[in-house]
Amino acid sequence: KKVELLMDAFNALNHPTFWSGDQNINTTTFGVVSSM
């Protein structure tokens, strides 16, 4: 018998990583990064 205590930290450094933004030159959000 044993007991395990766990602490998990996902993205522990809270580092932002962005997706490439809007790639169409004819849209009004061209080049804008809107998601991670």
PDB file of all heavy atoms in Angstrom:
ATOM      1  N   LYS A   1       0.837  -1.193   0.000  1.00  0.00           N
ATOM      2  CA  LYS A   1       0.000   0.000   0.000  1.00  0.00           C
ATOM      3  C   LYS A   1       0.875   1.248   0.000  1.00  0.00           C
ATOM      4  O   LYS A   1       1.894   1.308   0.694  1.00  0.00           O
ATOM      5  CB  LYS A   1      -0.921   0.021   1.224  1.00  0.00           C
ATOM      6  CG  LYS A   1      -1.893  -1.155   1.288  1.00  0.00           C
ATOM      7  CD  LYS A   1      -2.746  -1.092   2.546  1.00  0.00           C
ATOM      8  CE  LYS A   1      -3.676  -2.294   2.633  1.00  0.00           C
ATOM      9  NZ  LYS A   1      -4.501  -2.277   3.866  1.00  0.00           N
ATOM     10  N   LYS A   2       0.436   2.229  -0.809  1.00  0.00           N
ATOM     11  CA  LYS A   2       1.174   3.489  -0.834  1.00  0.00           C
ATOM     12  C   LYS A   2       0.246   4.608  -1.304  1.00  0.00           C
ATOM     13  O   LYS A   2      -0.789   4.381  -1.935  1.00  0.00           O
ATOM     14  CB  LYS A   2       2.385   3.406  -1.762  1.00  0.00           C
ATOM     15  CG  LYS A   2       2.057   3.148  -3.212  1.00  0.00           C
ATOM     16  CD  LYS A   2       3.331   3.073  -4.061  1.00  0.00           C
ATOM     17  CE  LYS A   2       2.993   2.790  -5.528  1.00  0.00           C
ATOM     18  NZ  LYS A   2       4.222   2.722  -6.360  1.00  0.00           N
ATOM     19  N   VAL A   3       0.662   5.827  -0.990  1.00  0.00           N
ATOM     20  CA  VAL A   3      -0.079   7.024  -1.374  1.00  0.00           C
ATOM     21  C   VAL A   3       0.835   7.901  -2.214  1.00  0.00           C
ATOM     22  O   VAL A   3       2.014   8.085  -1.859  1.00  0.00           O
ATOM     23  CB  VAL A   3      -0.582   7.813  -0.142  1.00  0.00           C
ATOM     24  CG1 VAL A   3      -1.192   9.140  -0.563  1.00  0.00           C
ATOM     25  CG2 VAL A   3      -1.598   6.987   0.636  1.00  0.00           C
ATOM     26  N   GLU A   4       0.320   8.427  -3.328  1.00  0.00           N
ATOM     27  CA  GLU A   4       1.092   9.327  -4.187  1.00  0.00           C
ATOM     28  C   GLU A   4       0.409  10.684  -4.243  1.00  0.00           C
ATOM     29  O   GLU A   4      -0.792  10.784  -4.519  1.00  0.00           O
ATOM     30  CB  GLU A   4       1.205   8.763  -5.612  1.00  0.00           C
ATOM     31  CG  GLU A   4       2.075   7.518  -5.714  1.00  0.00           C
ATOM     32  CD  GLU A   4       2.160   7.002  -7.135  1.00  0.00           C
ATOM     33  OE1 GLU A   4       1.276   7.370  -7.960  1.00  0.00           O
ATOM     34  OE2 GLU A   4       3.082   6.232  -7.432  1.00  0.00           O
ATOM     35  N   LEU A   5       1.187  11.729  -3.969  1.00  0.00           N
ATOM     36  CA  LEU A   5       0.718  13.111  -4.101  1.00  0.00           C
ATOM     37  C   LEU A   5       1.339  13.688  -5.370  1.00  0.00           C
ATOM     38  O   LEU A   5       2.561  13.598  -5.574  1.00  0.00           O
ATOM     39  CB  LEU A   5       1.125  13.943  -2.892  1.00  0.00           C
ATOM     40  CG  LEU A   5       0.640  13.428  -1.522  1.00  0.00           C
ATOM     41  CD1 LEU A   5       1.244  14.263  -0.402  1.00  0.00           C
ATOM     42  CD2 LEU A   5      -0.880  13.487  -1.463  1.00  0.00           C
ATOM     43  N   LEU A   6       0.514  14.276  -6.256  1.00  0.00           N
ATOM     44  CA  LEU A   6       0.987  14.748  -7.554  1.00  0.00           C
ATOM     45  C   LEU A   6       0.663  16.213  -7.747  1.00  0.00           C
ATOM     46  O   LEU A   6      -0.405  16.700  -7.341  1.00  0.00           O
ATOM     47  CB  LEU A   6       0.331  13.949  -8.689  1.00  0.00           C
ATOM     48  CG  LEU A   6       0.440  12.424  -8.657  1.00  0.00           C
ATOM     49  CD1 LEU A   6      -0.434  11.820  -9.728  1.00  0.00           C
ATOM     50  CD2 LEU A   6       1.887  12.018  -8.878  1.00  0.00           C
ATOM     51  N   MET A   7       1.584  16.919  -8.384  1.00  0.00           N
ATOM     52  CA  MET A   7       1.314  18.276  -8.872  1.00  0.00           C
ATOM     53  C   MET A   7       1.816  18.347 -10.309  1.00  0.00           C
ATOM     54  O   MET A   7       3.003  18.149 -10.564  1.00  0.00           O
ATOM     55  CB  MET A   7       2.003  19.346  -8.033  1.00  0.00           C
ATOM     56  CG  MET A   7       1.648  20.762  -8.502  1.00  0.00           C
ATOM     57  SD  MET A   7       2.560  22.083  -7.682  1.00  0.00           S
ATOM     58  CE  MET A   7       4.164  21.908  -8.468  1.00  0.00           C
ATOM     59  N   ASP A   8       0.924  18.603 -11.267  1.00  0.00           N
ATOM     60  CA  ASP A   8       1.271  18.729 -12.676  1.00  0.00           C
ATOM     61  C   ASP A   8       1.078  20.170 -13.115  1.00  0.00           C
ATOM     62  O   ASP A   8       0.048  20.799 -12.796  1.00  0.00           O
ATOM     63  CB  ASP A   8       0.395  17.821 -13.534  1.00  0.00           C
ATOM     64  CG  ASP A   8       0.690  16.357 -13.296  1.00  0.00           C
ATOM     65  OD1 ASP A   8       1.870  15.986 -13.363  1.00  0.00           O
ATOM     66  OD2 ASP A   8      -0.263  15.588 -13.044  1.00  0.00           O
ATOM     67  N   ALA A   9       2.051  20.685 -13.851  1.00  0.00           N
ATOM     68  CA  ALA A   9       1.958  22.039 -14.405  1.00  0.00           C
ATOM     69  C   ALA A   9       2.146  21.933 -15.916  1.00  0.00           C
ATOM     70  O   ALA A   9       3.239  21.608 -16.389  1.00  0.00           O
ATOM     71  CB  ALA A   9       3.015  22.954 -13.790  1.00  0.00           C
ATOM     72  N   PHE A  10       1.078  22.172 -16.652  1.00  0.00           N
ATOM     73  CA  PHE A  10       1.135  22.156 -18.107  1.00  0.00           C
ATOM     74  C   PHE A  10       1.416  23.573 -18.607  1.00  0.00           C
ATOM     75  O   PHE A  10       0.797  24.532 -18.167  1.00  0.00           O
ATOM     76  CB  PHE A  10      -0.180  21.631 -18.690  1.00  0.00           C
ATOM     77  CG  PHE A  10      -0.548  20.267 -18.178  1.00  0.00           C
ATOM     78  CD1 PHE A  10      -1.476  20.118 -17.160  1.00  0.00           C
ATOM     79  CD2 PHE A  10       0.045  19.128 -18.699  1.00  0.00           C
ATOM     80  CE1 PHE A  10      -1.815  18.868 -16.686  1.00  0.00           C
ATOM     81  CE2 PHE A  10      -0.284  17.861 -18.228  1.00  0.00           C
ATOM     82  CZ  PHE A  10      -1.219  17.733 -17.214  1.00  0.00           C
ATOM     83  N   ASN A  11       2.364  23.671 -19.561  1.00  0.00           N
ATOM     84  CA  ASN A  11       2.874  24.980 -19.970  1.00  0.00           C
ATOM     85  C   ASN A  11       3.302  25.748 -18.722  1.00  0.00           C
ATOM     86  O   ASN A  11       2.833  26.855 -18.446  1.00  0.00           O
ATOM     87  CB  ASN A  11       1.831  25.771 -20.762  1.00  0.00           C
ATOM     88  CG  ASN A  11       2.406  27.017 -21.429  1.00  0.00           C
ATOM     89  OD1 ASN A  11       3.618  27.235 -21.458  1.00  0.00           O
ATOM     90  ND2 ASN A  11       1.528  27.858 -21.955  1.00  0.00           N
ATOM     91  N   ALA A  12       4.191  25.124 -17.989  1.00  0.00           N
ATOM     92  CA  ALA A  12       4.557  25.607 -16.659  1.00  0.00           C
ATOM     93  C   ALA A  12       5.073  27.038 -16.657  1.00  0.00           C
ATOM     94  O   ALA A  12       4.861  27.790 -15.693  1.00  0.00           O
ATOM     95  CB  ALA A  12       5.608  24.680 -16.045  1.00  0.00           C
ATOM     96  N   LEU A  13       5.771  27.444 -17.720  1.00  0.00           N
ATOM     97  CA  LEU A  13       6.312  28.803 -17.775  1.00  0.00           C
ATOM     98  C   LEU A  13       5.313  29.795 -18.346  1.00  0.00           C
ATOM     99  O   LEU A  13       5.638  30.978 -18.509  1.00  0.00           O
ATOM    100  CB  LEU A  13       7.589  28.811 -18.616  1.00  0.00           C
ATOM    101  CG  LEU A  13       8.717  27.885 -18.132  1.00  0.00           C
ATOM    102  CD1 LEU A  13       9.942  28.039 -19.011  1.00  0.00           C
ATOM    103  CD2 LEU A  13       9.062  28.162 -16.674  1.00  0.00           C
ATOM    104  N   ASN A  14       4.110  29.313 -18.668  1.00  0.00           N
ATOM    105  CA  ASN A  14       3.058  30.161 -19.229  1.00  0.00           C
ATOM    106  C   ASN A  14       3.563  30.915 -20.469  1.00  0.00           C
ATOM    107  O   ASN A  14       3.308  32.101 -20.651  1.00  0.00           O
ATOM    108  CB  ASN A  14       2.546  31.157 -18.183  1.00  0.00           C
ATOM    109  CG  ASN A  14       1.125  31.624 -18.490  1.00  0.00           C
ATOM    110  OD1 ASN A  14       0.347  30.891 -19.103  1.00  0.00           O
ATOM    111  ND2 ASN A  14       0.796  32.824 -18.078  1.00  0.00           N
ATOM    112  N   HIS A  15       4.263  30.172 -21.315  1.00  0.00           N
ATOM    113  CA  HIS A  15       4.868  30.775 -22.500  1.00  0.00           C
ATOM    114  C   HIS A  15       3.854  30.814 -23.641  1.00  0.00           C
ATOM    115  O   HIS A  15       3.314  29.780 -24.037  1.00  0.00           O
ATOM    116  CB  HIS A  15       6.105  29.968 -22.920  1.00  0.00           C
ATOM    117  CG  HIS A  15       6.894  30.597 -24.022  1.00  0.00           C
ATOM    118  ND1 HIS A  15       6.563  30.442 -25.349  1.00  0.00           N
ATOM    119  CD2 HIS A  15       7.999  31.391 -23.995  1.00  0.00           C
ATOM    120  CE1 HIS A  15       7.439  31.104 -26.089  1.00  0.00           C
ATOM    121  NE2 HIS A  15       8.305  31.685 -25.300  1.00  0.00           N
ATOM    122  N   PRO A  16       3.564  31.991 -24.225  1.00  0.00           N
ATOM    123  CA  PRO A  16       2.598  32.053 -25.330  1.00  0.00           C
ATOM    124  C   PRO A  16       3.214  31.547 -26.626  1.00  0.00           C
ATOM    125  O   PRO A  16       4.332  31.904 -26.988  1.00  0.00           O
ATOM    126  CB  PRO A  16       2.272  33.551 -25.426  1.00  0.00           C
ATOM    127  CG  PRO A  16       3.504  34.231 -24.921  1.00  0.00           C
ATOM    128  CD  PRO A  16       4.084  33.331 -23.859  1.00  0.00           C
ATOM    129  N   THR A  17       2.492  30.696 -27.317  1.00  0.00           N
ATOM    130  CA  THR A  17       2.915  30.183 -28.620  1.00  0.00           C
ATOM    131  C   THR A  17       1.769  30.399 -29.595  1.00  0.00           C
ATOM    132  O   THR A  17       0.675  29.909 -29.373  1.00  0.00           O
ATOM    133  CB  THR A  17       3.265  28.688 -28.548  1.00  0.00           C
ATOM    134  OG1 THR A  17       4.361  28.519 -27.636  1.00  0.00           O
ATOM    135  CG2 THR A  17       3.670  28.157 -29.902  1.00  0.00           C
ATOM    136  N   PHE A  18       2.037  31.138 -30.674  1.00  0.00           N
ATOM    137  CA  PHE A  18       0.961  31.607 -31.546  1.00  0.00           C
ATOM    138  C   PHE A  18       0.890  30.809 -32.847  1.00  0.00           C
ATOM    139  O   PHE A  18       1.902  30.385 -33.397  1.00  0.00           O
ATOM    140  CB  PHE A  18       1.171  33.085 -31.877  1.00  0.00           C
ATOM    141  CG  PHE A  18       1.170  33.986 -30.666  1.00  0.00           C
ATOM    142  CD1 PHE A  18       2.360  34.420 -30.099  1.00  0.00           C
ATOM    143  CD2 PHE A  18      -0.020  34.378 -30.081  1.00  0.00           C
ATOM    144  CE1 PHE A  18       2.363  35.235 -28.987  1.00  0.00           C
ATOM    145  CE2 PHE A  18      -0.029  35.194 -28.963  1.00  0.00           C
ATOM    146  CZ  PHE A  18       1.166  35.623 -28.420  1.00  0.00           C
ATOM    147  N   TRP A  19      -0.348  30.654 -33.327  1.00  0.00           N
ATOM    148  CA  TRP A  19      -0.578  30.127 -34.666  1.00  0.00           C
ATOM    149  C   TRP A  19      -0.276  31.225 -35.674  1.00  0.00           C
ATOM    150  O   TRP A  19      -0.348  32.416 -35.373  1.00  0.00           O
ATOM    151  CB  TRP A  19      -2.036  29.707 -34.844  1.00  0.00           C
ATOM    152  CG  TRP A  19      -2.414  28.406 -34.236  1.00  0.00           C
ATOM    153  CD1 TRP A  19      -3.138  28.224 -33.083  1.00  0.00           C
ATOM    154  CD2 TRP A  19      -2.130  27.096 -34.731  1.00  0.00           C
ATOM    155  NE1 TRP A  19      -3.310  26.887 -32.837  1.00  0.00           N
ATOM    156  CE2 TRP A  19      -2.706  26.161 -33.831  1.00  0.00           C
ATOM    157  CE3 TRP A  19      -1.445  26.611 -35.840  1.00  0.00           C
ATOM    158  CZ2 TRP A  19      -2.619  24.794 -34.008  1.00  0.00           C
ATOM    159  CZ3 TRP A  19      -1.361  25.249 -36.026  1.00  0.00           C
ATOM    160  CH2 TRP A  19      -1.937  24.358 -35.121  1.00  0.00           C
ATOM    161  N   SER A  20       0.031  30.821 -36.919  1.00  0.00           N
ATOM    162  CA  SER A  20       0.142  31.807 -37.991  1.00  0.00           C
ATOM    163  C   SER A  20      -1.213  32.474 -38.184  1.00  0.00           C
ATOM    164  O   SER A  20      -2.261  31.839 -38.068  1.00  0.00           O
ATOM    165  CB  SER A  20       0.580  31.141 -39.298  1.00  0.00           C
ATOM    166  OG  SER A  20       1.836  30.513 -39.151  1.00  0.00           O
ATOM    167  N   GLY A  21      -1.195  33.753 -38.484  1.00  0.00           N
ATOM    168  CA  GLY A  21      -2.437  34.508 -38.595  1.00  0.00           C
ATOM    169  C   GLY A  21      -3.112  34.369 -39.948  1.00  0.00           C
ATOM    170  O   GLY A  21      -2.806  33.466 -40.740  1.00  0.00           O
ATOM    171  N   ASP A  22      -4.036  35.265 -40.232  1.00  0.00           N
ATOM    172  CA  ASP A  22      -4.789  35.272 -41.481  1.00  0.00           C
ATOM    173  C   ASP A  22      -3.829  35.478 -42.652  1.00  0.00           C
ATOM    174  O   ASP A  22      -3.067  36.436 -42.685  1.00  0.00           O
ATOM    175  CB  ASP A  22      -5.824  36.396 -41.432  1.00  0.00           C
ATOM    176  CG  ASP A  22      -6.854  36.289 -42.543  1.00  0.00           C
ATOM    177  OD1 ASP A  22      -6.530  35.714 -43.592  1.00  0.00           O
ATOM    178  OD2 ASP A  22      -7.975  36.793 -42.354  1.00  0.00           O
ATOM    179  N   GLN A  23      -3.891  34.574 -43.637  1.00  0.00           N
ATOM    180  CA  GLN A  23      -2.915  34.562 -44.720  1.00  0.00           C
ATOM    181  C   GLN A  23      -3.450  35.103 -46.036  1.00  0.00           C
ATOM    182  O   GLN A  23      -2.735  35.125 -47.035  1.00  0.00           O
ATOM    183  CB  GLN A  23      -2.423  33.123 -44.927  1.00  0.00           C
ATOM    184  CG  GLN A  23      -1.838  32.510 -43.675  1.00  0.00           C
ATOM    185  CD  GLN A  23      -1.774  30.993 -43.736  1.00  0.00           C
ATOM    186  OE1 GLN A  23      -1.676  30.400 -44.803  1.00  0.00           O
ATOM    187  NE2 GLN A  23      -1.826  30.347 -42.575  1.00  0.00           N
ATOM    188  N   ASN A  24      -4.701  35.543 -46.074  1.00  0.00           N
ATOM    189  CA  ASN A  24      -5.321  36.009 -47.317  1.00  0.00           C
ATOM    190  C   ASN A  24      -5.230  37.525 -47.401  1.00  0.00           C
ATOM    191  O   ASN A  24      -5.732  38.236 -46.520  1.00  0.00           O
ATOM    192  CB  ASN A  24      -6.777  35.561 -47.384  1.00  0.00           C
ATOM    193  CG  ASN A  24      -7.384  35.766 -48.760  1.00  0.00           C
ATOM    194  OD1 ASN A  24      -7.308  36.839 -49.342  1.00  0.00           O
ATOM    195  ND2 ASN A  24      -7.986  34.723 -49.292  1.00  0.00           N
ATOM    196  N   ILE A  25      -4.602  38.020 -48.466  1.00  0.00           N
ATOM    197  CA  ILE A  25      -4.368  39.464 -48.589  1.00  0.00           C
ATOM    198  C   ILE A  25      -5.654  40.251 -48.789  1.00  0.00           C
ATOM    199  O   ILE A  25      -5.650  41.486 -48.637  1.00  0.00           O
ATOM    200  CB  ILE A  25      -3.392  39.767 -49.739  1.00  0.00           C
ATOM    201  CG1 ILE A  25      -3.970  39.296 -51.083  1.00  0.00           C
ATOM    202  CG2 ILE A  25      -2.037  39.124 -49.480  1.00  0.00           C
ATOM    203  CD1 ILE A  25      -3.110  39.674 -52.278  1.00  0.00           C
ATOM    204  N   ASN A  26      -6.761  39.581 -49.107  1.00  0.00           N
ATOM    205  CA  ASN A  26      -8.015  40.286 -49.377  1.00  0.00           C
ATOM    206  C   ASN A  26      -8.946  40.359 -48.174  1.00  0.00           C
ATOM    207  O   ASN A  26     -10.037  40.913 -48.276  1.00  0.00           O
ATOM    208  CB  ASN A  26      -8.752  39.622 -50.545  1.00  0.00           C
ATOM    209  CG  ASN A  26      -8.008  39.784 -51.859  1.00  0.00           C
ATOM    210  OD1 ASN A  26      -7.884  40.884 -52.379  1.00  0.00           O
ATOM    211  ND2 ASN A  26      -7.488  38.686 -52.390  1.00  0.00           N
ATOM    212  N   THR A  27      -8.542  39.799 -47.037  1.00  0.00           N
ATOM    213  CA  THR A  27      -9.376  39.858 -45.838  1.00  0.00           C
ATOM    214  C   THR A  27      -8.953  41.030 -44.969  1.00  0.00           C
ATOM    215  O   THR A  27      -7.810  41.489 -45.019  1.00  0.00           O
ATOM    216  CB  THR A  27      -9.278  38.560 -45.025  1.00  0.00           C
ATOM    217  OG1 THR A  27      -7.911  38.351 -44.644  1.00  0.00           O
ATOM    218  CG2 THR A  27      -9.741  37.376 -45.846  1.00  0.00           C
ATOM    219  N   THR A  28      -9.873  41.499 -44.159  1.00  0.00           N
ATOM    220  CA  THR A  28      -9.609  42.674 -43.321  1.00  0.00           C
ATOM    221  C   THR A  28      -8.802  42.345 -42.072  1.00  0.00           C
ATOM    222  O   THR A  28      -8.493  43.246 -41.287  1.00  0.00           O
ATOM    223  CB  THR A  28     -10.937  43.336 -42.913  1.00  0.00           C
ATOM    224  OG1 THR A  28     -11.754  42.365 -42.244  1.00  0.00           O
ATOM    225  CG2 THR A  28     -11.677  43.841 -44.134  1.00  0.00           C
ATOM    226  N   THR A  29      -8.471  41.070 -41.881  1.00  0.00           N
ATOM    227  CA  THR A  29      -7.630  40.675 -40.737  1.00  0.00           C
ATOM    228  C   THR A  29      -6.314  40.067 -41.223  1.00  0.00           C
ATOM    229  O   THR A  29      -5.711  39.265 -40.528  1.00  0.00           O
ATOM    230  CB  THR A  29      -8.373  39.663 -39.846  1.00  0.00           C
ATOM    231  OG1 THR A  29      -8.803  38.551 -40.646  1.00  0.00           O
ATOM    232  CG2 THR A  29      -9.574  40.306 -39.179  1.00  0.00           C
ATOM    233  N   PHE A  30      -5.882  40.446 -42.410  1.00  0.00           N
ATOM    234  CA  PHE A  30      -4.660  39.896 -42.994  1.00  0.00           C
ATOM    235  C   PHE A  30      -3.475  40.112 -42.052  1.00  0.00           C
ATOM    236  O   PHE A  30      -3.213  41.220 -41.603  1.00  0.00           O
ATOM    237  CB  PHE A  30      -4.379  40.563 -44.336  1.00  0.00           C
ATOM    238  CG  PHE A  30      -3.059  40.180 -44.956  1.00  0.00           C
ATOM    239  CD1 PHE A  30      -2.768  38.849 -45.228  1.00  0.00           C
ATOM    240  CD2 PHE A  30      -2.114  41.141 -45.264  1.00  0.00           C
ATOM    241  CE1 PHE A  30      -1.561  38.472 -45.798  1.00  0.00           C
ATOM    242  CE2 PHE A  30      -0.899  40.789 -45.843  1.00  0.00           C
ATOM    243  CZ  PHE A  30      -0.625  39.454 -46.105  1.00  0.00           C
ATOM    244  N   GLY A  31      -2.761  39.017 -41.759  1.00  0.00           N
ATOM    245  CA  GLY A  31      -1.568  39.091 -40.928  1.00  0.00           C
ATOM    246  C   GLY A  31      -1.820  39.095 -39.440  1.00  0.00           C
ATOM    247  O   GLY A  31      -0.878  39.011 -38.652  1.00  0.00           O
ATOM    248  N   VAL A  32      -3.081  39.161 -39.025  1.00  0.00           N
ATOM    249  CA  VAL A  32      -3.408  39.235 -37.598  1.00  0.00           C
ATOM    250  C   VAL A  32      -3.367  37.843 -36.985  1.00  0.00           C
ATOM    251  O   VAL A  32      -3.970  36.902 -37.503  1.00  0.00           O
ATOM    252  CB  VAL A  32      -4.790  39.867 -37.386  1.00  0.00           C
ATOM    253  CG1 VAL A  32      -5.176  39.838 -35.909  1.00  0.00           C
ATOM    254  CG2 VAL A  32      -4.805  41.300 -37.912  1.00  0.00           C
ATOM    255  N   VAL A  33      -2.646  37.688 -35.871  1.00  0.00           N
ATOM    256  CA  VAL A  33      -2.583  36.424 -35.144  1.00  0.00           C
ATOM    257  C   VAL A  33      -3.670  36.447 -34.072  1.00  0.00           C
ATOM    258  O   VAL A  33      -3.676  37.329 -33.212  1.00  0.00           O
ATOM    259  CB  VAL A  33      -1.198  36.223 -34.503  1.00  0.00           C
ATOM    260  CG1 VAL A  33      -1.173  34.942 -33.686  1.00  0.00           C
ATOM    261  CG2 VAL A  33      -0.114  36.197 -35.581  1.00  0.00           C
ATOM    262  N   SER A  34      -4.576  35.479 -34.122  1.00  0.00           N
ATOM    263  CA  SER A  34      -5.729  35.524 -33.221  1.00  0.00           C
ATOM    264  C   SER A  34      -5.891  34.277 -32.365  1.00  0.00           C
ATOM    265  O   SER A  34      -6.879  34.157 -31.641  1.00  0.00           O
ATOM    266  CB  SER A  34      -7.013  35.738 -34.038  1.00  0.00           C
ATOM    267  OG  SER A  34      -7.178  34.699 -34.999  1.00  0.00           O
ATOM    268  N   SER A  35      -4.951  33.322 -32.439  1.00  0.00           N
ATOM    269  CA  SER A  35      -5.095  32.117 -31.626  1.00  0.00           C
ATOM    270  C   SER A  35      -3.733  31.590 -31.221  1.00  0.00           C
ATOM    271  O   SER A  35      -2.710  31.919 -31.844  1.00  0.00           O
ATOM    272  CB  SER A  35      -5.877  31.036 -32.387  1.00  0.00           C
ATOM    273  OG  SER A  35      -5.236  30.706 -33.601  1.00  0.00           O
ATOM    274  N   MET A  36      -3.715  30.762 -30.172  1.00  0.00           N
ATOM    275  CA  MET A  36      -2.468  30.213 -29.656  1.00  0.00           C
ATOM    276  C   MET A  36      -2.437  28.703 -29.829  1.00  0.00           C
ATOM    277  O   MET A  36      -3.478  28.046 -29.884  1.00  0.00           O
ATOM    278  CB  MET A  36      -2.293  30.577 -28.183  1.00  0.00           C
ATOM    279  CG  MET A  36      -2.042  32.054 -27.929  1.00  0.00           C
ATOM    280  SD  MET A  36      -1.415  32.388 -26.257  1.00  0.00           S
ATOM    281  CE  MET A  36      -2.762  31.790 -25.261  1.00  0.00           C
TER     282      MET A  36
END
